[in-house]
Each structure stands twice: as C-alpha cells, then as structure tokens.
Amino acid sequence: MKALTTAQHQQLLQHLVDLGRRAIEVKTHPAGVEYTSLMISFLLHNMSATETLLRLIKSTGNDWFPVTIGYIIDRSIFEVMINAHFITKDPTQRSRQYIEYEHIIKKKELDTFQKHRDTTDALWHEFIGLVLEHELSAQASVINESHEKVKKRFQRTTKKGKEISFENWAGKSIREMACEVDHEIEYDIFYSGLSSFTHANVRLADQFLRFSPSGLSWTQKSVDFHVGNVFRYAATFFSCFLGLFGVQFGTWTEQDIAKYW
C-alpha cells in the first residue's frame, strides 16, 4: 500500500482490470477444473466489483460518491481474496468442498420455505406456495438426496459428542481463514470497519452525519478521506488476489502488478 491520490488509485484499478482480462484464455490448473473454475469466477467477481466502483465515481464525482456502498463492495473483494488464498492451500479438496456446500445451501432454502408454507399471512402464503410449486417441490428429492451425500463433510463433533453443522463452506470464520493464510493483520485492520457497512451499525449512519456550530445535519455528500479509502482498499485487495492468480496460472508476475503502484 502506497500513498497515492484517489485519482491515482482509480487509474491503478483500471490497469488491474485490464490486466485481469488477459486471463480470458487461461489453461486448466493441474489441481483440476473445479479449482480453475472457482479462481476464474473470483477473478470475474473482482473485476466486476472494481468496474462498478469506477463507474460510480464517474457518474457521481468525488463529492457525491456513495461511500457506504463502496465499502460494501470492498468487503466482498476482501472476502474473495481470503477465500481464494485459503482454497489454494489445498486446491483440489477445498475447491470441491466449496462447490459442494451448494447442496447445504439448497437444503436450508428448501427447509425454510417448507417451514413457512402454512403462514396465515396471505401475501407470504401465496409467494411461498408459488416458489414451492414451480421450483423447490420439483427439486426436493434431488436436493434431499444430494444433501445426504455431503452433509457429514460439513459437520464437526463437539467434545460432548454433539454434531454441529458448519456455518459456512470451510467451517471456519473469515478471521480463522485469514490467519491461516498469513493475512491476520489485514483482517484485524480492515475487516471490522468494512463489516460496519454490511451490518448497518453506527459507522454506516456516521457517514451521513455532520456537526456544525448550528447543530446536526445529515447529507449524502461524501468525505474525501473515505472516498480515498474505498479506492485504496479495493486496489490493495484486488492486487493481492491478482498476485495469487498470477502465480497459480502463470498469467502475470508480481512485477507486472507492482509497476502500476
């Protein structure tokens, strides 16, 4: 991370997006098609997220840039970076585990809709009925069967012998994953603040609050410091991911990224 201006970080991000486009014909990684597919999907997400930030600043300018939305986008880039590094530690097994967790998600979705199917709220009853009738009920047997095949992989046994289901695909928090891939400092410094804007805690509200001698006021006008942070964080996280991607697929080097800084 270097002391660049907001405009320089924006220019840097555009270079990173352009660099990412060079991976369009990347070859399948030795770890398999699942790992390759995930890493390309992560790359495309980060490119889309970055381009969204650049389009927002172009349409709003610095003064009215939606900082809270920018921080939410930054958090997604950070989480992709951490997940990608964690999967790469054991790419074949962890990429399959990541993908198979979809069966857990689908089972939870099915159970949730079935749980509320008898609601007395007319509008909800109609909506849930339509989803079950035209989508989930037809898939229920496949969803249940697929869930049974993988559910043991996403459970752990407590010291008292109780089976506890994972809360995410890895069975670890973002912080635990970050620590395992030597990103503890990045997590501790950045993640709590970025999470404020996803969880709508007081730091989100503070972005709109202004103090003056005449009293309090609220405005959507942004603060330069936070606009700069949004682009600084995005550039840092995206660069880190691209560095990993380049090593894994031989598409570019650390020097190719560093020269834009």
C-alpha atoms as a PDB file:
ATOM      1  CA  MET A   1       0.000   0.000   0.000  1.00  0.00           C
ATOM      2  CA  LYS A   2       1.460   3.369  -1.065  1.00  0.00           C
ATOM      3  CA  ALA A   3       0.435   6.985  -0.525  1.00  0.00           C
ATOM      4  CA  LEU A   4      -1.340   7.528  -3.841  1.00  0.00           C
ATOM      5  CA  THR A   5      -4.048  10.065  -4.538  1.00  0.00           C
ATOM      6  CA  THR A   6      -7.639   8.987  -5.111  1.00  0.00           C
ATOM      7  CA  ALA A   7      -7.241   9.640  -8.840  1.00  0.00           C
ATOM      8  CA  GLN A   8      -4.061   7.545  -8.929  1.00  0.00           C
ATOM      9  CA  HIS A   9      -5.804   4.667  -7.177  1.00  0.00           C
ATOM     10  CA  GLN A  10      -8.623   4.860  -9.710  1.00  0.00           C
ATOM     11  CA  GLN A  11      -6.132   4.729 -12.561  1.00  0.00           C
ATOM     12  CA  LEU A  12      -4.385   1.816 -10.863  1.00  0.00           C
ATOM     13  CA  LEU A  13      -7.663  -0.076 -10.557  1.00  0.00           C
ATOM     14  CA  GLN A  14      -8.349   0.351 -14.266  1.00  0.00           C
ATOM     15  CA  HIS A  15      -4.920  -1.102 -15.023  1.00  0.00           C
ATOM     16  CA  LEU A  16      -5.709  -4.068 -12.766  1.00  0.00           C
ATOM     17  CA  VAL A  17      -8.987  -4.714 -14.574  1.00  0.00           C
ATOM     18  CA  ASP A  18      -7.183  -4.561 -17.918  1.00  0.00           C
ATOM     19  CA  LEU A  19      -4.589  -6.991 -16.569  1.00  0.00           C
ATOM     20  CA  GLY A  20      -7.335  -9.356 -15.441  1.00  0.00           C
ATOM     21  CA  ARG A  21      -8.741  -9.509 -18.956  1.00  0.00           C
ATOM     22  CA  ARG A  22      -5.515 -11.183 -20.059  1.00  0.00           C
ATOM     23  CA  ALA A  23      -6.680 -14.355 -18.278  1.00  0.00           C
ATOM     24  CA  ILE A  24      -9.506 -14.946 -20.749  1.00  0.00           C
ATOM     25  CA  GLU A  25      -7.771 -17.993 -22.270  1.00  0.00           C
ATOM     26  CA  VAL A  26      -6.159 -19.385 -19.126  1.00  0.00           C
ATOM     27  CA  LYS A  27      -5.373 -23.113 -19.182  1.00  0.00           C
ATOM     28  CA  THR A  28      -6.849 -25.575 -16.701  1.00  0.00           C
ATOM     29  CA  HIS A  29      -4.808 -25.681 -13.500  1.00  0.00           C
ATOM     30  CA  PRO A  30      -3.185 -29.013 -12.503  1.00  0.00           C
ATOM     31  CA  ALA A  31      -5.439 -29.040  -9.416  1.00  0.00           C
ATOM     32  CA  GLY A  32      -8.430 -29.565 -11.681  1.00  0.00           C
ATOM     33  CA  VAL A  33     -11.310 -27.892 -13.428  1.00  0.00           C
ATOM     34  CA  GLU A  34     -13.109 -27.105 -10.146  1.00  0.00           C
ATOM     35  CA  TYR A  35     -10.221 -25.027  -8.831  1.00  0.00           C
ATOM     36  CA  THR A  36      -9.740 -23.364 -12.208  1.00  0.00           C
ATOM     37  CA  SER A  37     -13.426 -22.521 -12.433  1.00  0.00           C
ATOM     38  CA  LEU A  38     -13.525 -21.027  -8.950  1.00  0.00           C
ATOM     39  CA  MET A  39     -10.439 -18.878  -9.439  1.00  0.00           C
ATOM     40  CA  ILE A  40     -11.741 -17.527 -12.742  1.00  0.00           C
ATOM     41  CA  SER A  41     -15.101 -16.835 -11.086  1.00  0.00           C
ATOM     42  CA  PHE A  42     -13.323 -14.990  -8.276  1.00  0.00           C
ATOM     43  CA  LEU A  43     -11.351 -13.007 -10.858  1.00  0.00           C
ATOM     44  CA  LEU A  44     -14.509 -12.050 -12.731  1.00  0.00           C
ATOM     45  CA  HIS A  45     -16.203 -11.004  -9.493  1.00  0.00           C
ATOM     46  CA  ASN A  46     -13.322  -8.746  -8.518  1.00  0.00           C
ATOM     47  CA  MET A  47     -13.195  -7.250 -11.993  1.00  0.00           C
ATOM     48  CA  SER A  48     -16.941  -6.565 -11.870  1.00  0.00           C
ATOM     49  CA  ALA A  49     -16.727  -5.101  -8.376  1.00  0.00           C
ATOM     50  CA  THR A  50     -13.833  -2.862  -9.380  1.00  0.00           C
ATOM     51  CA  GLU A  51     -15.530  -1.691 -12.551  1.00  0.00           C
ATOM     52  CA  THR A  52     -18.626  -0.884 -10.511  1.00  0.00           C
ATOM     53  CA  LEU A  53     -16.595   1.413  -8.270  1.00  0.00           C
ATOM     54  CA  LEU A  54     -15.058   3.134 -11.287  1.00  0.00           C
ATOM     55  CA  ARG A  55     -18.435   3.631 -12.942  1.00  0.00           C
ATOM     56  CA  LEU A  56     -19.907   5.006  -9.733  1.00  0.00           C
ATOM     57  CA  ILE A  57     -17.166   7.596  -9.326  1.00  0.00           C
ATOM     58  CA  LYS A  58     -17.536   8.574 -12.981  1.00  0.00           C
ATOM     59  CA  SER A  59     -21.261   9.143 -12.610  1.00  0.00           C
ATOM     60  CA  THR A  60     -21.263  10.828  -9.184  1.00  0.00           C
ATOM     61  CA  GLY A  61     -17.883  12.516  -8.911  1.00  0.00           C
ATOM     62  CA  ASN A  62     -15.929  12.564  -5.650  1.00  0.00           C
ATOM     63  CA  ASP A  63     -18.323  14.883  -3.813  1.00  0.00           C
ATOM     64  CA  TRP A  64     -21.338  12.589  -4.040  1.00  0.00           C
ATOM     65  CA  PHE A  65     -19.669   9.208  -4.284  1.00  0.00           C
ATOM     66  CA  PRO A  66     -21.719   6.653  -2.252  1.00  0.00           C
ATOM     67  CA  VAL A  67     -19.038   5.742   0.263  1.00  0.00           C
ATOM     68  CA  THR A  68     -21.125   3.239   2.220  1.00  0.00           C
ATOM     69  CA  ILE A  69     -21.807   1.246  -0.949  1.00  0.00           C
ATOM     70  CA  GLY A  70     -18.136   1.488  -1.870  1.00  0.00           C
ATOM     71  CA  TYR A  71     -17.087  -0.036   1.440  1.00  0.00           C
ATOM     72  CA  ILE A  72     -19.577  -2.888   0.993  1.00  0.00           C
ATOM     73  CA  ILE A  73     -18.028  -3.640  -2.404  1.00  0.00           C
ATOM     74  CA  ASP A  74     -14.560  -3.514  -0.830  1.00  0.00           C
ATOM     75  CA  ARG A  75     -15.599  -6.093   1.736  1.00  0.00           C
ATOM     76  CA  SER A  76     -16.647  -8.530  -0.991  1.00  0.00           C
ATOM     77  CA  ILE A  77     -13.265  -8.120  -2.725  1.00  0.00           C
ATOM     78  CA  PHE A  78     -11.540  -8.772   0.616  1.00  0.00           C
ATOM     79  CA  GLU A  79     -13.563 -11.931   1.281  1.00  0.00           C
ATOM     80  CA  VAL A  80     -12.859 -13.255  -2.214  1.00  0.00           C
ATOM     81  CA  MET A  81      -9.146 -12.640  -1.620  1.00  0.00           C
ATOM     82  CA  ILE A  82      -9.178 -14.581   1.668  1.00  0.00           C
ATOM     83  CA  ASN A  83     -11.253 -17.470   0.303  1.00  0.00           C
ATOM     84  CA  ALA A  84      -9.009 -17.761  -2.759  1.00  0.00           C
ATOM     85  CA  HIS A  85      -5.848 -17.932  -0.636  1.00  0.00           C
ATOM     86  CA  PHE A  86      -7.444 -20.457   1.736  1.00  0.00           C
ATOM     87  CA  ILE A  87      -8.630 -22.718  -1.099  1.00  0.00           C
ATOM     88  CA  THR A  88      -5.214 -22.534  -2.759  1.00  0.00           C
ATOM     89  CA  LYS A  89      -3.610 -24.139   0.312  1.00  0.00           C
ATOM     90  CA  ASP A  90      -5.298 -27.407  -0.764  1.00  0.00           C
ATOM     91  CA  PRO A  91      -6.810 -26.542  -4.144  1.00  0.00           C
ATOM     92  CA  THR A  92      -8.246 -29.876  -5.220  1.00  0.00           C
ATOM     93  CA  GLN A  93     -10.018 -30.788  -1.982  1.00  0.00           C
ATOM     94  CA  ARG A  94     -11.032 -27.316  -0.858  1.00  0.00           C
ATOM     95  CA  SER A  95     -12.400 -26.239  -4.215  1.00  0.00           C
ATOM     96  CA  ARG A  96     -14.623 -29.316  -4.282  1.00  0.00           C
ATOM     97  CA  GLN A  97     -15.713 -28.655  -0.709  1.00  0.00           C
ATOM     98  CA  TYR A  98     -16.526 -25.046  -1.605  1.00  0.00           C
ATOM     99  CA  ILE A  99     -18.635 -26.173  -4.566  1.00  0.00           C
ATOM    100  CA  GLU A 100     -20.394 -28.992  -2.707  1.00  0.00           C
ATOM    101  CA  TYR A 101     -21.553 -26.596   0.000  1.00  0.00           C
ATOM    102  CA  GLU A 102     -24.190 -25.529  -2.510  1.00  0.00           C
ATOM    103  CA  HIS A 103     -26.126 -28.667  -1.528  1.00  0.00           C
ATOM    104  CA  ILE A 104     -26.208 -27.438   2.075  1.00  0.00           C
ATOM    105  CA  ILE A 105     -27.450 -24.016   0.940  1.00  0.00           C
ATOM    106  CA  LYS A 106     -30.193 -25.516  -1.211  1.00  0.00           C
ATOM    107  CA  LYS A 107     -31.340 -27.783   1.629  1.00  0.00           C
ATOM    108  CA  LYS A 108     -31.554 -24.815   4.002  1.00  0.00           C
ATOM    109  CA  GLU A 109     -33.573 -22.915   1.405  1.00  0.00           C
ATOM    110  CA  LEU A 110     -35.977 -25.825   0.919  1.00  0.00           C
ATOM    111  CA  ASP A 111     -36.418 -26.293   4.676  1.00  0.00           C
ATOM    112  CA  THR A 112     -37.055 -22.586   5.187  1.00  0.00           C
ATOM    113  CA  PHE A 113     -39.802 -22.434   2.580  1.00  0.00           C
ATOM    114  CA  GLN A 114     -41.405 -25.610   3.895  1.00  0.00           C
ATOM    115  CA  LYS A 115     -41.238 -24.240   7.438  1.00  0.00           C
ATOM    116  CA  HIS A 116     -43.303 -21.186   6.493  1.00  0.00           C
ATOM    117  CA  ARG A 117     -45.632 -22.750   3.929  1.00  0.00           C
ATOM    118  CA  ASP A 118     -48.629 -22.651   6.326  1.00  0.00           C
ATOM    119  CA  THR A 119     -48.256 -18.987   7.255  1.00  0.00           C
ATOM    120  CA  THR A 120     -51.530 -17.139   7.750  1.00  0.00           C
ATOM    121  CA  ASP A 121     -50.203 -14.035   6.023  1.00  0.00           C
ATOM    122  CA  ALA A 122     -51.976 -14.108   2.665  1.00  0.00           C
ATOM    123  CA  LEU A 123     -49.248 -12.477   0.601  1.00  0.00           C
ATOM    124  CA  TRP A 124     -46.464 -14.596   2.055  1.00  0.00           C
ATOM    125  CA  HIS A 125     -48.614 -17.718   1.707  1.00  0.00           C
ATOM    126  CA  GLU A 126     -49.104 -17.009  -1.980  1.00  0.00           C
ATOM    127  CA  PHE A 127     -45.428 -16.274  -2.626  1.00  0.00           C
ATOM    128  CA  ILE A 128     -44.138 -19.316  -0.735  1.00  0.00           C
ATOM    129  CA  GLY A 129     -46.718 -21.528  -2.419  1.00  0.00           C
ATOM    130  CA  LEU A 130     -45.636 -20.361  -5.873  1.00  0.00           C
ATOM    131  CA  VAL A 131     -41.946 -20.955  -5.178  1.00  0.00           C
ATOM    132  CA  LEU A 132     -42.611 -24.421  -3.798  1.00  0.00           C
ATOM    133  CA  GLU A 133     -44.998 -25.359  -6.591  1.00  0.00           C
ATOM    134  CA  HIS A 134     -42.939 -24.132  -9.528  1.00  0.00           C
ATOM    135  CA  GLU A 135     -39.391 -24.634  -8.261  1.00  0.00           C
ATOM    136  CA  LEU A 136     -38.477 -26.253  -4.976  1.00  0.00           C
ATOM    137  CA  SER A 137     -41.016 -29.076  -4.695  1.00  0.00           C
ATOM    138  CA  ALA A 138     -39.995 -30.475  -8.077  1.00  0.00           C
ATOM    139  CA  GLN A 139     -36.366 -30.458  -6.941  1.00  0.00           C
ATOM    140  CA  ALA A 140     -36.989 -31.631  -3.387  1.00  0.00           C
ATOM    141  CA  SER A 141     -35.973 -35.274  -3.858  1.00  0.00           C
ATOM    142  CA  VAL A 142     -32.730 -34.312  -5.612  1.00  0.00           C
ATOM    143  CA  ILE A 143     -31.981 -31.622  -3.022  1.00  0.00           C
ATOM    144  CA  ASN A 144     -32.528 -34.036  -0.128  1.00  0.00           C
ATOM    145  CA  GLU A 145     -30.531 -36.812  -1.759  1.00  0.00           C
ATOM    146  CA  SER A 146     -27.596 -34.527  -2.578  1.00  0.00           C
ATOM    147  CA  HIS A 147     -27.662 -33.114   0.935  1.00  0.00           C
ATOM    148  CA  GLU A 148     -27.480 -36.564   2.488  1.00  0.00           C
ATOM    149  CA  LYS A 149     -24.406 -37.389   0.415  1.00  0.00           C
ATOM    150  CA  VAL A 150     -22.387 -34.386   1.568  1.00  0.00           C
ATOM    151  CA  LYS A 151     -23.745 -33.280   4.954  1.00  0.00           C
ATOM    152  CA  LYS A 152     -21.161 -35.200   7.011  1.00  0.00           C
ATOM    153  CA  ARG A 153     -18.408 -33.192   5.343  1.00  0.00           C
ATOM    154  CA  PHE A 154     -19.886 -30.026   6.759  1.00  0.00           C
ATOM    155  CA  GLN A 155     -20.271 -31.113  10.361  1.00  0.00           C
ATOM    156  CA  ARG A 156     -17.985 -31.337  13.328  1.00  0.00           C
ATOM    157  CA  THR A 157     -18.318 -33.192  16.614  1.00  0.00           C
ATOM    158  CA  THR A 158     -18.108 -31.254  19.867  1.00  0.00           C
ATOM    159  CA  LYS A 159     -16.273 -32.536  22.931  1.00  0.00           C
ATOM    160  CA  LYS A 160     -19.660 -33.662  24.246  1.00  0.00           C
ATOM    161  CA  GLY A 161     -20.288 -35.718  21.104  1.00  0.00           C
ATOM    162  CA  LYS A 162     -22.861 -33.388  19.539  1.00  0.00           C
ATOM    163  CA  GLU A 163     -22.873 -32.910  15.755  1.00  0.00           C
ATOM    164  CA  ILE A 164     -22.654 -29.226  14.810  1.00  0.00           C
ATOM    165  CA  SER A 165     -23.192 -28.042  11.239  1.00  0.00           C
ATOM    166  CA  PHE A 166     -20.726 -25.650   9.640  1.00  0.00           C
ATOM    167  CA  GLU A 167     -21.886 -22.070   9.310  1.00  0.00           C
ATOM    168  CA  ASN A 168     -20.063 -21.732   6.009  1.00  0.00           C
ATOM    169  CA  TRP A 169     -18.315 -23.958   3.486  1.00  0.00           C
ATOM    170  CA  ALA A 170     -14.984 -24.100   5.352  1.00  0.00           C
ATOM    171  CA  GLY A 171     -16.268 -24.495   8.887  1.00  0.00           C
ATOM    172  CA  LYS A 172     -14.040 -21.556   9.794  1.00  0.00           C
ATOM    173  CA  SER A 173     -14.641 -17.854  10.229  1.00  0.00           C
ATOM    174  CA  ILE A 174     -13.151 -15.336   7.812  1.00  0.00           C
ATOM    175  CA  ARG A 175     -10.669 -14.433  10.551  1.00  0.00           C
ATOM    176  CA  GLU A 176      -9.592 -18.050  11.034  1.00  0.00           C
ATOM    177  CA  MET A 177      -9.071 -18.426   7.305  1.00  0.00           C
ATOM    178  CA  ALA A 178      -7.189 -15.127   7.148  1.00  0.00           C
ATOM    179  CA  CYS A 179      -4.852 -16.202   9.944  1.00  0.00           C
ATOM    180  CA  GLU A 180      -4.121 -19.499   8.199  1.00  0.00           C
ATOM    181  CA  VAL A 181      -3.052 -17.684   5.024  1.00  0.00           C
ATOM    182  CA  ASP A 182      -0.924 -15.041   6.766  1.00  0.00           C
ATOM    183  CA  HIS A 183      -3.483 -12.238   6.416  1.00  0.00           C
ATOM    184  CA  GLU A 184      -4.214 -11.711  10.108  1.00  0.00           C
ATOM    185  CA  ILE A 185      -3.038  -8.086  10.053  1.00  0.00           C
ATOM    186  CA  GLU A 186      -5.167  -7.284   7.014  1.00  0.00           C
ATOM    187  CA  TYR A 187      -8.183  -8.835   8.694  1.00  0.00           C
ATOM    188  CA  ASP A 188      -7.693  -7.052  12.004  1.00  0.00           C
ATOM    189  CA  ILE A 189      -7.090  -3.659  10.404  1.00  0.00           C
ATOM    190  CA  PHE A 190      -9.660  -3.681   7.614  1.00  0.00           C
ATOM    191  CA  TYR A 191     -12.411  -6.221   8.149  1.00  0.00           C
ATOM    192  CA  SER A 192     -14.173  -4.898  11.231  1.00  0.00           C
ATOM    193  CA  GLY A 193     -14.536  -1.454   9.701  1.00  0.00           C
ATOM    194  CA  LEU A 194     -15.731  -2.792   6.365  1.00  0.00           C
ATOM    195  CA  SER A 195     -18.259  -5.055   8.082  1.00  0.00           C
ATOM    196  CA  SER A 196     -19.870  -1.993   9.648  1.00  0.00           C
ATOM    197  CA  PHE A 197     -21.392  -1.104   6.317  1.00  0.00           C
ATOM    198  CA  THR A 198     -22.736  -4.588   5.637  1.00  0.00           C
ATOM    199  CA  HIS A 199     -24.226  -4.970   9.116  1.00  0.00           C
ATOM    200  CA  ALA A 200     -25.568  -1.388   9.200  1.00  0.00           C
ATOM    201  CA  ASN A 201     -24.008  -0.478  12.520  1.00  0.00           C
ATOM    202  CA  VAL A 202     -23.418   3.080  13.682  1.00  0.00           C
ATOM    203  CA  ARG A 203     -20.407   3.658  11.407  1.00  0.00           C
ATOM    204  CA  LEU A 204     -22.745   3.430   8.446  1.00  0.00           C
ATOM    205  CA  ALA A 205     -25.002   6.108   9.913  1.00  0.00           C
ATOM    206  CA  ASP A 206     -21.996   8.282  10.807  1.00  0.00           C
ATOM    207  CA  GLN A 207     -21.152   8.648   7.132  1.00  0.00           C
ATOM    208  CA  PHE A 208     -24.207  10.882   6.734  1.00  0.00           C
ATOM    209  CA  LEU A 209     -23.888  12.845   9.978  1.00  0.00           C
ATOM    210  CA  ARG A 210     -22.267  16.270  10.099  1.00  0.00           C
ATOM    211  CA  PHE A 211     -21.564  18.514  13.082  1.00  0.00           C
ATOM    212  CA  SER A 212     -21.568  22.294  12.825  1.00  0.00           C
ATOM    213  CA  PRO A 213     -21.958  25.239  15.222  1.00  0.00           C
ATOM    214  CA  SER A 214     -25.614  25.426  14.241  1.00  0.00           C
ATOM    215  CA  GLY A 215     -26.271  21.798  15.143  1.00  0.00           C
ATOM    216  CA  LEU A 216     -26.534  18.389  13.479  1.00  0.00           C
ATOM    217  CA  SER A 217     -27.356  17.742   9.861  1.00  0.00           C
ATOM    218  CA  TRP A 218     -27.423  14.771   7.506  1.00  0.00           C
ATOM    219  CA  THR A 219     -26.117  14.703   3.968  1.00  0.00           C
ATOM    220  CA  GLN A 220     -25.240  12.238   1.224  1.00  0.00           C
ATOM    221  CA  LYS A 221     -22.191  14.334   0.367  1.00  0.00           C
ATOM    222  CA  SER A 222     -19.052  12.264   0.857  1.00  0.00           C
ATOM    223  CA  VAL A 223     -15.888  12.959   2.809  1.00  0.00           C
ATOM    224  CA  ASP A 224     -12.669  12.947   0.743  1.00  0.00           C
ATOM    225  CA  PHE A 225     -10.851  10.718   3.244  1.00  0.00           C
ATOM    226  CA  HIS A 226     -13.429   7.947   2.883  1.00  0.00           C
ATOM    227  CA  VAL A 227     -13.628   8.230  -0.886  1.00  0.00           C
ATOM    228  CA  GLY A 228      -9.873   7.735  -0.966  1.00  0.00           C
ATOM    229  CA  ASN A 229     -10.100   4.752   1.362  1.00  0.00           C
ATOM    230  CA  VAL A 230     -12.654   2.978  -0.819  1.00  0.00           C
ATOM    231  CA  PHE A 231     -10.317   3.020  -3.807  1.00  0.00           C
ATOM    232  CA  ARG A 232      -7.174   2.394  -1.744  1.00  0.00           C
ATOM    233  CA  TYR A 233      -8.695  -0.712  -0.169  1.00  0.00           C
ATOM    234  CA  ALA A 234     -10.044  -2.029  -3.474  1.00  0.00           C
ATOM    235  CA  ALA A 235      -6.641  -1.595  -5.125  1.00  0.00           C
ATOM    236  CA  THR A 236      -4.872  -3.343  -2.239  1.00  0.00           C
ATOM    237  CA  PHE A 237      -7.217  -6.335  -2.064  1.00  0.00           C
ATOM    238  CA  PHE A 238      -7.502  -6.777  -5.832  1.00  0.00           C
ATOM    239  CA  SER A 239      -3.724  -6.557  -6.260  1.00  0.00           C
ATOM    240  CA  CYS A 240      -3.252  -9.253  -3.625  1.00  0.00           C
ATOM    241  CA  PHE A 241      -5.716 -11.553  -5.378  1.00  0.00           C
ATOM    242  CA  LEU A 242      -4.145 -10.922  -8.777  1.00  0.00           C
ATOM    243  CA  GLY A 243      -0.742 -11.766  -7.335  1.00  0.00           C
ATOM    244  CA  LEU A 244      -2.057 -15.152  -6.211  1.00  0.00           C
ATOM    245  CA  PHE A 245      -3.827 -15.757  -9.521  1.00  0.00           C
ATOM    246  CA  GLY A 246      -0.702 -14.911 -11.496  1.00  0.00           C
ATOM    247  CA  VAL A 247       1.408 -17.364  -9.514  1.00  0.00           C
ATOM    248  CA  GLN A 248      -1.144 -20.151  -9.879  1.00  0.00           C
ATOM    249  CA  PHE A 249      -1.816 -19.761 -13.594  1.00  0.00           C
ATOM    250  CA  GLY A 250       1.359 -18.132 -14.888  1.00  0.00           C
ATOM    251  CA  THR A 251      -0.582 -15.260 -16.419  1.00  0.00           C
ATOM    252  CA  TRP A 252       1.491 -12.395 -14.989  1.00  0.00           C
ATOM    253  CA  THR A 253       4.134 -11.728 -12.372  1.00  0.00           C
ATOM    254  CA  GLU A 254       4.256  -9.723  -9.169  1.00  0.00           C
ATOM    255  CA  GLN A 255       6.317  -7.182 -11.102  1.00  0.00           C
ATOM    256  CA  ASP A 256       3.502  -6.773 -13.634  1.00  0.00           C
ATOM    257  CA  ILE A 257       1.245  -5.690 -10.771  1.00  0.00           C
ATOM    258  CA  ALA A 258       3.837  -3.715  -8.836  1.00  0.00           C
ATOM    259  CA  LYS A 259       4.628  -1.432 -11.766  1.00  0.00           C
ATOM    260  CA  TYR A 260       1.128   0.057 -11.578  1.00  0.00           C
ATOM    261  CA  TRP A 261       1.785   1.113  -8.000  1.00  0.00           C
END
